[in-house]
Amino acid sequence: MFRFERVNRDVAGREIMDDRQFAWQAQRDPDLECGFSWLRQKPNRIGFSRNLEKGYFSSRTVPYAGIQLAYHLGFSRVFLVGMDFDSSLRAG
């Protein structure tokens, strides 16, 4: 059992890195899929984790984290019906 934590966050035993350092490491890690920029100052948050022991990418949607969990558990096909992936919409 492990905690379901976001990538590059302060978790016991895992050091948090600045965005450029994390971008450099993530591009060389086969468990993490991301197109992080080494030059941009804006935080890089979009990616896909194949190994949740290294954390997950939230992309500010619960279904996206669920897809990474399904992949981690060994599923090769996931069907999402009626999900809205627009993180800019707020319930109100």
PDB file of N, CA and C in Angstrom:
ATOM      1  N   MET A   1       0.839  -1.159   0.000  1.00  0.00           N
ATOM      2  CA  MET A   1       0.000   0.000   0.000  1.00  0.00           C
ATOM      3  C   MET A   1       0.894   1.236   0.000  1.00  0.00           C
ATOM      4  N   PHE A   2       0.462   2.253  -0.717  1.00  0.00           N
ATOM      5  CA  PHE A   2       1.182   3.522  -0.743  1.00  0.00           C
ATOM      6  C   PHE A   2       0.185   4.660  -0.816  1.00  0.00           C
ATOM      7  N   ARG A   3       0.654   5.845  -0.490  1.00  0.00           N
ATOM      8  CA  ARG A   3      -0.215   7.024  -0.535  1.00  0.00           C
ATOM      9  C   ARG A   3      -0.345   7.513  -1.967  1.00  0.00           C
ATOM     10  N   PHE A   4      -1.521   7.961  -2.305  1.00  0.00           N
ATOM     11  CA  PHE A   4      -1.818   8.504  -3.631  1.00  0.00           C
ATOM     12  C   PHE A   4      -1.446   9.980  -3.592  1.00  0.00           C
ATOM     13  N   GLU A   5      -0.225  10.312  -4.028  1.00  0.00           N
ATOM     14  CA  GLU A   5       0.306  11.667  -3.938  1.00  0.00           C
ATOM     15  C   GLU A   5       0.668  12.205  -5.315  1.00  0.00           C
ATOM     16  N   ARG A   6       0.593  13.522  -5.475  1.00  0.00           N
ATOM     17  CA  ARG A   6       0.992  14.157  -6.737  1.00  0.00           C
ATOM     18  C   ARG A   6       2.501  14.094  -6.903  1.00  0.00           C
ATOM     19  N   VAL A   7       2.964  14.115  -8.151  1.00  0.00           N
ATOM     20  CA  VAL A   7       4.407  14.096  -8.423  1.00  0.00           C
ATOM     21  C   VAL A   7       5.061  15.358  -7.894  1.00  0.00           C
ATOM     22  N   ASN A   8       6.311  15.208  -7.517  1.00  0.00           N
ATOM     23  CA  ASN A   8       7.143  16.317  -7.057  1.00  0.00           C
ATOM     24  C   ASN A   8       6.508  17.113  -5.921  1.00  0.00           C
ATOM     25  N   ARG A   9       5.949  16.415  -4.975  1.00  0.00           N
ATOM     26  CA  ARG A   9       5.391  17.041  -3.778  1.00  0.00           C
ATOM     27  C   ARG A   9       6.132  16.526  -2.564  1.00  0.00           C
ATOM     28  N   ASP A  10       6.150  17.311  -1.501  1.00  0.00           N
ATOM     29  CA  ASP A  10       6.854  16.942  -0.277  1.00  0.00           C
ATOM     30  C   ASP A  10       6.141  15.773   0.399  1.00  0.00           C
ATOM     31  N   VAL A  11       6.688  14.597   0.205  1.00  0.00           N
ATOM     32  CA  VAL A  11       6.161  13.374   0.807  1.00  0.00           C
ATOM     33  C   VAL A  11       7.323  12.732   1.553  1.00  0.00           C
ATOM     34  N   ALA A  12       7.019  12.039   2.627  1.00  0.00           N
ATOM     35  CA  ALA A  12       8.074  11.405   3.416  1.00  0.00           C
ATOM     36  C   ALA A  12       9.000  10.585   2.521  1.00  0.00           C
ATOM     37  N   GLY A  13      10.286  10.892   2.577  1.00  0.00           N
ATOM     38  CA  GLY A  13      11.274  10.157   1.815  1.00  0.00           C
ATOM     39  C   GLY A  13      11.485  10.638   0.391  1.00  0.00           C
ATOM     40  N   ARG A  14      10.718  11.630  -0.052  1.00  0.00           N
ATOM     41  CA  ARG A  14      10.860  12.148  -1.416  1.00  0.00           C
ATOM     42  C   ARG A  14      11.144  13.641  -1.355  1.00  0.00           C
ATOM     43  N   GLU A  15      12.201  14.044  -2.014  1.00  0.00           N
ATOM     44  CA  GLU A  15      12.607  15.451  -2.011  1.00  0.00           C
ATOM     45  C   GLU A  15      11.856  16.219  -3.091  1.00  0.00           C
ATOM     46  N   ILE A  16      11.385  17.414  -2.758  1.00  0.00           N
ATOM     47  CA  ILE A  16      10.725  18.266  -3.739  1.00  0.00           C
ATOM     48  C   ILE A  16      11.795  19.045  -4.509  1.00  0.00           C
ATOM     49  N   MET A  17      11.631  19.127  -5.833  1.00  0.00           N
ATOM     50  CA  MET A  17      12.604  19.798  -6.692  1.00  0.00           C
ATOM     51  C   MET A  17      11.973  21.045  -7.293  1.00  0.00           C
ATOM     52  N   ASP A  18      12.831  21.990  -7.720  1.00  0.00           N
ATOM     53  CA  ASP A  18      12.287  23.131  -8.442  1.00  0.00           C
ATOM     54  C   ASP A  18      11.820  22.635  -9.815  1.00  0.00           C
ATOM     55  N   ASP A  19      11.023  23.440 -10.506  1.00  0.00           N
ATOM     56  CA  ASP A  19      10.404  23.000 -11.758  1.00  0.00           C
ATOM     57  C   ASP A  19      11.416  22.595 -12.823  1.00  0.00           C
ATOM     58  N   ARG A  20      12.504  23.331 -12.951  1.00  0.00           N
ATOM     59  CA  ARG A  20      13.507  22.987 -13.968  1.00  0.00           C
ATOM     60  C   ARG A  20      14.206  21.676 -13.653  1.00  0.00           C
ATOM     61  N   GLN A  21      14.555  21.470 -12.399  1.00  0.00           N
ATOM     62  CA  GLN A  21      15.203  20.234 -11.991  1.00  0.00           C
ATOM     63  C   GLN A  21      14.263  19.049 -12.205  1.00  0.00           C
ATOM     64  N   PHE A  22      12.986  19.226 -11.848  1.00  0.00           N
ATOM     65  CA  PHE A  22      12.022  18.146 -12.043  1.00  0.00           C
ATOM     66  C   PHE A  22      11.814  17.866 -13.532  1.00  0.00           C
ATOM     67  N   ALA A  23      11.758  18.917 -14.368  1.00  0.00           N
ATOM     68  CA  ALA A  23      11.597  18.737 -15.814  1.00  0.00           C
ATOM     69  C   ALA A  23      12.753  17.916 -16.374  1.00  0.00           C
ATOM     70  N   TRP A  24      13.962  18.196 -15.929  1.00  0.00           N
ATOM     71  CA  TRP A  24      15.138  17.473 -16.395  1.00  0.00           C
ATOM     72  C   TRP A  24      15.042  15.998 -16.012  1.00  0.00           C
ATOM     73  N   GLN A  25      14.679  15.719 -14.765  1.00  0.00           N
ATOM     74  CA  GLN A  25      14.578  14.334 -14.302  1.00  0.00           C
ATOM     75  C   GLN A  25      13.421  13.607 -14.978  1.00  0.00           C
ATOM     76  N   ALA A  26      12.280  14.261 -15.115  1.00  0.00           N
ATOM     77  CA  ALA A  26      11.084  13.622 -15.664  1.00  0.00           C
ATOM     78  C   ALA A  26      11.272  13.220 -17.123  1.00  0.00           C
ATOM     79  N   GLN A  27      12.024  14.000 -17.886  1.00  0.00           N
ATOM     80  CA  GLN A  27      12.231  13.661 -19.292  1.00  0.00           C
ATOM     81  C   GLN A  27      13.092  12.416 -19.464  1.00  0.00           C
ATOM     82  N   ARG A  28      13.817  12.027 -18.449  1.00  0.00           N
ATOM     83  CA  ARG A  28      14.666  10.844 -18.508  1.00  0.00           C
ATOM     84  C   ARG A  28      14.065   9.656 -17.770  1.00  0.00           C
ATOM     85  N   ASP A  29      12.898   9.821 -17.217  1.00  0.00           N
ATOM     86  CA  ASP A  29      12.243   8.759 -16.450  1.00  0.00           C
ATOM     87  C   ASP A  29      11.188   8.078 -17.307  1.00  0.00           C
ATOM     88  N   PRO A  30      11.334   6.783 -17.601  1.00  0.00           N
ATOM     89  CA  PRO A  30      10.359   6.086 -18.451  1.00  0.00           C
ATOM     90  C   PRO A  30       8.973   5.943 -17.806  1.00  0.00           C
ATOM     91  N   ASP A  31       8.875   6.151 -16.504  1.00  0.00           N
ATOM     92  CA  ASP A  31       7.585   6.054 -15.821  1.00  0.00           C
ATOM     93  C   ASP A  31       6.773   7.342 -15.893  1.00  0.00           C
ATOM     94  N   LEU A  32       7.401   8.430 -16.307  1.00  0.00           N
ATOM     95  CA  LEU A  32       6.717   9.717 -16.377  1.00  0.00           C
ATOM     96  C   LEU A  32       6.694  10.209 -17.818  1.00  0.00           C
ATOM     97  N   GLU A  33       5.523  10.589 -18.284  1.00  0.00           N
ATOM     98  CA  GLU A  33       5.350  11.134 -19.634  1.00  0.00           C
ATOM     99  C   GLU A  33       4.960  12.596 -19.500  1.00  0.00           C
ATOM    100  N   CYS A  34       5.822  13.481 -19.966  1.00  0.00           N
ATOM    101  CA  CYS A  34       5.504  14.894 -19.871  1.00  0.00           C
ATOM    102  C   CYS A  34       6.370  15.676 -20.847  1.00  0.00           C
ATOM    103  N   GLY A  35       5.892  16.833 -21.226  1.00  0.00           N
ATOM    104  CA  GLY A  35       6.621  17.701 -22.131  1.00  0.00           C
ATOM    105  C   GLY A  35       7.056  18.961 -21.419  1.00  0.00           C
ATOM    106  N   PHE A  36       7.635  18.805 -20.264  1.00  0.00           N
ATOM    107  CA  PHE A  36       8.016  19.946 -19.450  1.00  0.00           C
ATOM    108  C   PHE A  36       9.096  20.771 -20.126  1.00  0.00           C
ATOM    109  N   SER A  37       9.061  22.047 -19.882  1.00  0.00           N
ATOM    110  CA  SER A  37      10.042  22.969 -20.429  1.00  0.00           C
ATOM    111  C   SER A  37      11.092  23.292 -19.375  1.00  0.00           C
ATOM    112  N   TRP A  38      12.343  23.310 -19.784  1.00  0.00           N
ATOM    113  CA  TRP A  38      13.416  23.709 -18.871  1.00  0.00           C
ATOM    114  C   TRP A  38      13.527  25.221 -18.798  1.00  0.00           C
ATOM    115  N   LEU A  39      12.939  25.918 -19.754  1.00  0.00           N
ATOM    116  CA  LEU A  39      13.111  27.363 -19.833  1.00  0.00           C
ATOM    117  C   LEU A  39      11.964  28.162 -19.227  1.00  0.00           C
ATOM    118  N   ARG A  40      10.769  27.615 -19.236  1.00  0.00           N
ATOM    119  CA  ARG A  40       9.606  28.354 -18.733  1.00  0.00           C
ATOM    120  C   ARG A  40       9.630  28.448 -17.220  1.00  0.00           C
ATOM    121  N   GLN A  41       9.224  29.568 -16.704  1.00  0.00           N
ATOM    122  CA  GLN A  41       9.133  29.757 -15.265  1.00  0.00           C
ATOM    123  C   GLN A  41       7.797  29.270 -14.711  1.00  0.00           C
ATOM    124  N   LYS A  42       6.782  29.199 -15.584  1.00  0.00           N
ATOM    125  CA  LYS A  42       5.460  28.765 -15.149  1.00  0.00           C
ATOM    126  C   LYS A  42       5.514  27.298 -14.707  1.00  0.00           C
ATOM    127  N   PRO A  43       4.870  26.957 -13.597  1.00  0.00           N
ATOM    128  CA  PRO A  43       4.892  25.573 -13.131  1.00  0.00           C
ATOM    129  C   PRO A  43       4.345  24.608 -14.192  1.00  0.00           C
ATOM    130  N   ASN A  44       5.024  23.502 -14.347  1.00  0.00           N
ATOM    131  CA  ASN A  44       4.621  22.464 -15.282  1.00  0.00           C
ATOM    132  C   ASN A  44       3.776  21.436 -14.529  1.00  0.00           C
ATOM    133  N   ARG A  45       2.556  21.256 -14.937  1.00  0.00           N
ATOM    134  CA  ARG A  45       1.668  20.384 -14.185  1.00  0.00           C
ATOM    135  C   ARG A  45       1.048  19.254 -15.014  1.00  0.00           C
ATOM    136  N   ILE A  46       1.229  19.257 -16.329  1.00  0.00           N
ATOM    137  CA  ILE A  46       0.549  18.265 -17.151  1.00  0.00           C
ATOM    138  C   ILE A  46       1.515  17.158 -17.521  1.00  0.00           C
ATOM    139  N   GLY A  47       1.079  15.943 -17.295  1.00  0.00           N
ATOM    140  CA  GLY A  47       1.880  14.773 -17.607  1.00  0.00           C
ATOM    141  C   GLY A  47       1.087  13.521 -17.309  1.00  0.00           C
ATOM    142  N   PHE A  48       1.743  12.370 -17.424  1.00  0.00           N
ATOM    143  CA  PHE A  48       1.099  11.089 -17.143  1.00  0.00           C
ATOM    144  C   PHE A  48       2.093  10.202 -16.414  1.00  0.00           C
ATOM    145  N   SER A  49       1.674   9.629 -15.307  1.00  0.00           N
ATOM    146  CA  SER A  49       2.534   8.757 -14.519  1.00  0.00           C
ATOM    147  C   SER A  49       2.142   7.301 -14.743  1.00  0.00           C
ATOM    148  N   ARG A  50       3.118   6.486 -15.117  1.00  0.00           N
ATOM    149  CA  ARG A  50       2.886   5.054 -15.285  1.00  0.00           C
ATOM    150  C   ARG A  50       3.137   4.294 -13.983  1.00  0.00           C
ATOM    151  N   ASN A  51       3.720   4.958 -13.002  1.00  0.00           N
ATOM    152  CA  ASN A  51       4.047   4.340 -11.729  1.00  0.00           C
ATOM    153  C   ASN A  51       3.621   5.290 -10.612  1.00  0.00           C
ATOM    154  N   LEU A  52       2.529   4.982  -9.950  1.00  0.00           N
ATOM    155  CA  LEU A  52       1.983   5.887  -8.941  1.00  0.00           C
ATOM    156  C   LEU A  52       2.822   5.945  -7.667  1.00  0.00           C
ATOM    157  N   GLU A  53       3.792   5.052  -7.533  1.00  0.00           N
ATOM    158  CA  GLU A  53       4.704   5.186  -6.405  1.00  0.00           C
ATOM    159  C   GLU A  53       5.555   6.444  -6.561  1.00  0.00           C
ATOM    160  N   LYS A  54       5.673   6.956  -7.779  1.00  0.00           N
ATOM    161  CA  LYS A  54       6.393   8.203  -8.043  1.00  0.00           C
ATOM    162  C   LYS A  54       5.447   9.397  -8.030  1.00  0.00           C
ATOM    163  N   GLY A  55       4.161   9.156  -7.867  1.00  0.00           N
ATOM    164  CA  GLY A  55       3.164  10.211  -7.827  1.00  0.00           C
ATOM    165  C   GLY A  55       2.314  10.226  -9.087  1.00  0.00           C
ATOM    166  N   TYR A  56       1.299  11.069  -9.073  1.00  0.00           N
ATOM    167  CA  TYR A  56       0.405  11.206 -10.227  1.00  0.00           C
ATOM    168  C   TYR A  56       0.332  12.679 -10.622  1.00  0.00           C
ATOM    169  N   PHE A  57      -0.073  12.926 -11.857  1.00  0.00           N
ATOM    170  CA  PHE A  57      -0.291  14.282 -12.348  1.00  0.00           C
ATOM    171  C   PHE A  57      -1.783  14.564 -12.224  1.00  0.00           C
ATOM    172  N   SER A  58      -2.140  15.658 -11.582  1.00  0.00           N
ATOM    173  CA  SER A  58      -3.560  15.915 -11.328  1.00  0.00           C
ATOM    174  C   SER A  58      -4.263  16.514 -12.526  1.00  0.00           C
ATOM    175  N   SER A  59      -3.635  17.413 -13.238  1.00  0.00           N
ATOM    176  CA  SER A  59      -4.270  18.145 -14.339  1.00  0.00           C
ATOM    177  C   SER A  59      -5.593  18.754 -13.906  1.00  0.00           C
ATOM    178  N   ARG A  60      -5.764  18.886 -12.608  1.00  0.00           N
ATOM    179  CA  ARG A  60      -6.933  19.505 -11.973  1.00  0.00           C
ATOM    180  C   ARG A  60      -8.250  18.813 -12.289  1.00  0.00           C
ATOM    181  N   THR A  61      -8.192  17.515 -12.604  1.00  0.00           N
ATOM    182  CA  THR A  61      -9.423  16.744 -12.800  1.00  0.00           C
ATOM    183  C   THR A  61      -9.275  15.390 -12.124  1.00  0.00           C
ATOM    184  N   VAL A  62     -10.319  14.952 -11.451  1.00  0.00           N
ATOM    185  CA  VAL A  62     -10.317  13.643 -10.795  1.00  0.00           C
ATOM    186  C   VAL A  62     -10.280  12.506 -11.823  1.00  0.00           C
ATOM    187  N   PRO A  63     -11.024  12.591 -12.933  1.00  0.00           N
ATOM    188  CA  PRO A  63     -10.968  11.494 -13.910  1.00  0.00           C
ATOM    189  C   PRO A  63      -9.565  11.263 -14.467  1.00  0.00           C
ATOM    190  N   TYR A  64      -8.779  12.315 -14.653  1.00  0.00           N
ATOM    191  CA  TYR A  64      -7.433  12.144 -15.186  1.00  0.00           C
ATOM    192  C   TYR A  64      -6.551  11.364 -14.203  1.00  0.00           C
ATOM    193  N   ALA A  65      -6.686  11.661 -12.929  1.00  0.00           N
ATOM    194  CA  ALA A  65      -5.959  10.893 -11.915  1.00  0.00           C
ATOM    195  C   ALA A  65      -6.448   9.452 -11.906  1.00  0.00           C
ATOM    196  N   GLY A  66      -7.749   9.254 -12.113  1.00  0.00           N
ATOM    197  CA  GLY A  66      -8.317   7.902 -12.164  1.00  0.00           C
ATOM    198  C   GLY A  66      -7.784   7.089 -13.327  1.00  0.00           C
ATOM    199  N   ILE A  67      -7.546   7.723 -14.462  1.00  0.00           N
ATOM    200  CA  ILE A  67      -6.981   7.029 -15.618  1.00  0.00           C
ATOM    201  C   ILE A  67      -5.565   6.541 -15.290  1.00  0.00           C
ATOM    202  N   GLN A  68      -4.781   7.371 -14.601  1.00  0.00           N
ATOM    203  CA  GLN A  68      -3.437   6.957 -14.212  1.00  0.00           C
ATOM    204  C   GLN A  68      -3.489   5.803 -13.218  1.00  0.00           C
ATOM    205  N   LEU A  69      -4.457   5.829 -12.311  1.00  0.00           N
ATOM    206  CA  LEU A  69      -4.634   4.731 -11.367  1.00  0.00           C
ATOM    207  C   LEU A  69      -4.989   3.447 -12.101  1.00  0.00           C
ATOM    208  N   ALA A  70      -5.898   3.527 -13.063  1.00  0.00           N
ATOM    209  CA  ALA A  70      -6.283   2.341 -13.844  1.00  0.00           C
ATOM    210  C   ALA A  70      -5.074   1.771 -14.587  1.00  0.00           C
ATOM    211  N   TYR A  71      -4.264   2.628 -15.186  1.00  0.00           N
ATOM    212  CA  TYR A  71      -3.057   2.172 -15.882  1.00  0.00           C
ATOM    213  C   TYR A  71      -2.109   1.489 -14.902  1.00  0.00           C
ATOM    214  N   HIS A  72      -1.913   2.101 -13.747  1.00  0.00           N
ATOM    215  CA  HIS A  72      -1.023   1.552 -12.726  1.00  0.00           C
ATOM    216  C   HIS A  72      -1.492   0.167 -12.274  1.00  0.00           C
ATOM    217  N   LEU A  73      -2.799  -0.031 -12.231  1.00  0.00           N
ATOM    218  CA  LEU A  73      -3.362  -1.312 -11.800  1.00  0.00           C
ATOM    219  C   LEU A  73      -3.360  -2.363 -12.907  1.00  0.00           C
ATOM    220  N   GLY A  74      -2.947  -1.975 -14.118  1.00  0.00           N
ATOM    221  CA  GLY A  74      -2.804  -2.951 -15.190  1.00  0.00           C
ATOM    222  C   GLY A  74      -3.887  -2.932 -16.251  1.00  0.00           C
ATOM    223  N   PHE A  75      -4.822  -2.013 -16.161  1.00  0.00           N
ATOM    224  CA  PHE A  75      -5.869  -1.936 -17.179  1.00  0.00           C
ATOM    225  C   PHE A  75      -5.310  -1.312 -18.454  1.00  0.00           C
ATOM    226  N   SER A  76      -5.695  -1.855 -19.595  1.00  0.00           N
ATOM    227  CA  SER A  76      -5.224  -1.309 -20.866  1.00  0.00           C
ATOM    228  C   SER A  76      -6.328  -0.535 -21.588  1.00  0.00           C
ATOM    229  N   ARG A  77      -7.553  -0.643 -21.108  1.00  0.00           N
ATOM    230  CA  ARG A  77      -8.668   0.060 -21.724  1.00  0.00           C
ATOM    231  C   ARG A  77      -9.566   0.617 -20.620  1.00  0.00           C
ATOM    232  N   VAL A  78      -9.873   1.900 -20.727  1.00  0.00           N
ATOM    233  CA  VAL A  78     -10.723   2.572 -19.742  1.00  0.00           C
ATOM    234  C   VAL A  78     -11.782   3.356 -20.497  1.00  0.00           C
ATOM    235  N   PHE A  79     -13.024   3.234 -20.083  1.00  0.00           N
ATOM    236  CA  PHE A  79     -14.122   3.975 -20.697  1.00  0.00           C
ATOM    237  C   PHE A  79     -14.637   4.999 -19.693  1.00  0.00           C
ATOM    238  N   LEU A  80     -14.634   6.260 -20.091  1.00  0.00           N
ATOM    239  CA  LEU A  80     -15.191   7.336 -19.276  1.00  0.00           C
ATOM    240  C   LEU A  80     -16.380   7.911 -20.027  1.00  0.00           C
ATOM    241  N   VAL A  81     -17.518   7.909 -19.392  1.00  0.00           N
ATOM    242  CA  VAL A  81     -18.734   8.387 -20.033  1.00  0.00           C
ATOM    243  C   VAL A  81     -19.284   9.553 -19.218  1.00  0.00           C
ATOM    244  N   GLY A  82     -19.558  10.647 -19.903  1.00  0.00           N
ATOM    245  CA  GLY A  82     -20.175  11.796 -19.247  1.00  0.00           C
ATOM    246  C   GLY A  82     -19.232  12.595 -18.373  1.00  0.00           C
ATOM    247  N   MET A  83     -17.953  12.570 -18.658  1.00  0.00           N
ATOM    248  CA  MET A  83     -16.978  13.321 -17.863  1.00  0.00           C
ATOM    249  C   MET A  83     -16.596  14.609 -18.568  1.00  0.00           C
ATOM    250  N   ASP A  84     -16.433  15.661 -17.797  1.00  0.00           N
ATOM    251  CA  ASP A  84     -16.008  16.940 -18.323  1.00  0.00           C
ATOM    252  C   ASP A  84     -14.568  17.173 -17.867  1.00  0.00           C
ATOM    253  N   PHE A  85     -13.637  17.301 -18.799  1.00  0.00           N
ATOM    254  CA  PHE A  85     -12.231  17.478 -18.466  1.00  0.00           C
ATOM    255  C   PHE A  85     -11.810  18.941 -18.483  1.00  0.00           C
ATOM    256  N   ASP A  86     -12.740  19.859 -18.504  1.00  0.00           N
ATOM    257  CA  ASP A  86     -12.415  21.278 -18.522  1.00  0.00           C
ATOM    258  C   ASP A  86     -12.175  21.747 -17.091  1.00  0.00           C
ATOM    259  N   SER A  87     -10.922  21.965 -16.748  1.00  0.00           N
ATOM    260  CA  SER A  87     -10.592  22.348 -15.378  1.00  0.00           C
ATOM    261  C   SER A  87     -10.929  23.805 -15.069  1.00  0.00           C
ATOM    262  N   SER A  88     -11.267  24.584 -16.092  1.00  0.00           N
ATOM    263  CA  SER A  88     -11.550  26.001 -15.855  1.00  0.00           C
ATOM    264  C   SER A  88     -12.978  26.250 -15.378  1.00  0.00           C
ATOM    265  N   LEU A  89     -13.875  25.296 -15.542  1.00  0.00           N
ATOM    266  CA  LEU A  89     -15.255  25.463 -15.108  1.00  0.00           C
ATOM    267  C   LEU A  89     -15.361  25.259 -13.603  1.00  0.00           C
ATOM    268  N   ARG A  90     -16.129  26.073 -12.983  1.00  0.00           N
ATOM    269  CA  ARG A  90     -16.364  25.984 -11.538  1.00  0.00           C
ATOM    270  C   ARG A  90     -17.846  25.740 -11.295  1.00  0.00           C
ATOM    271  N   ALA A  91     -18.134  24.882 -10.333  1.00  0.00           N
ATOM    272  CA  ALA A  91     -19.536  24.650  -9.946  1.00  0.00           C
ATOM    273  C   ALA A  91     -20.028  25.877  -9.230  1.00  0.00           C
ATOM    274  N   GLY A  92     -21.216  26.279  -9.506  1.00  0.00           N
ATOM    275  CA  GLY A  92     -21.675  27.482  -8.826  1.00  0.00           C
ATOM    276  C   GLY A  92     -23.064  27.734  -8.924  1.00  0.00           C
TER     277      GLY A  92
END
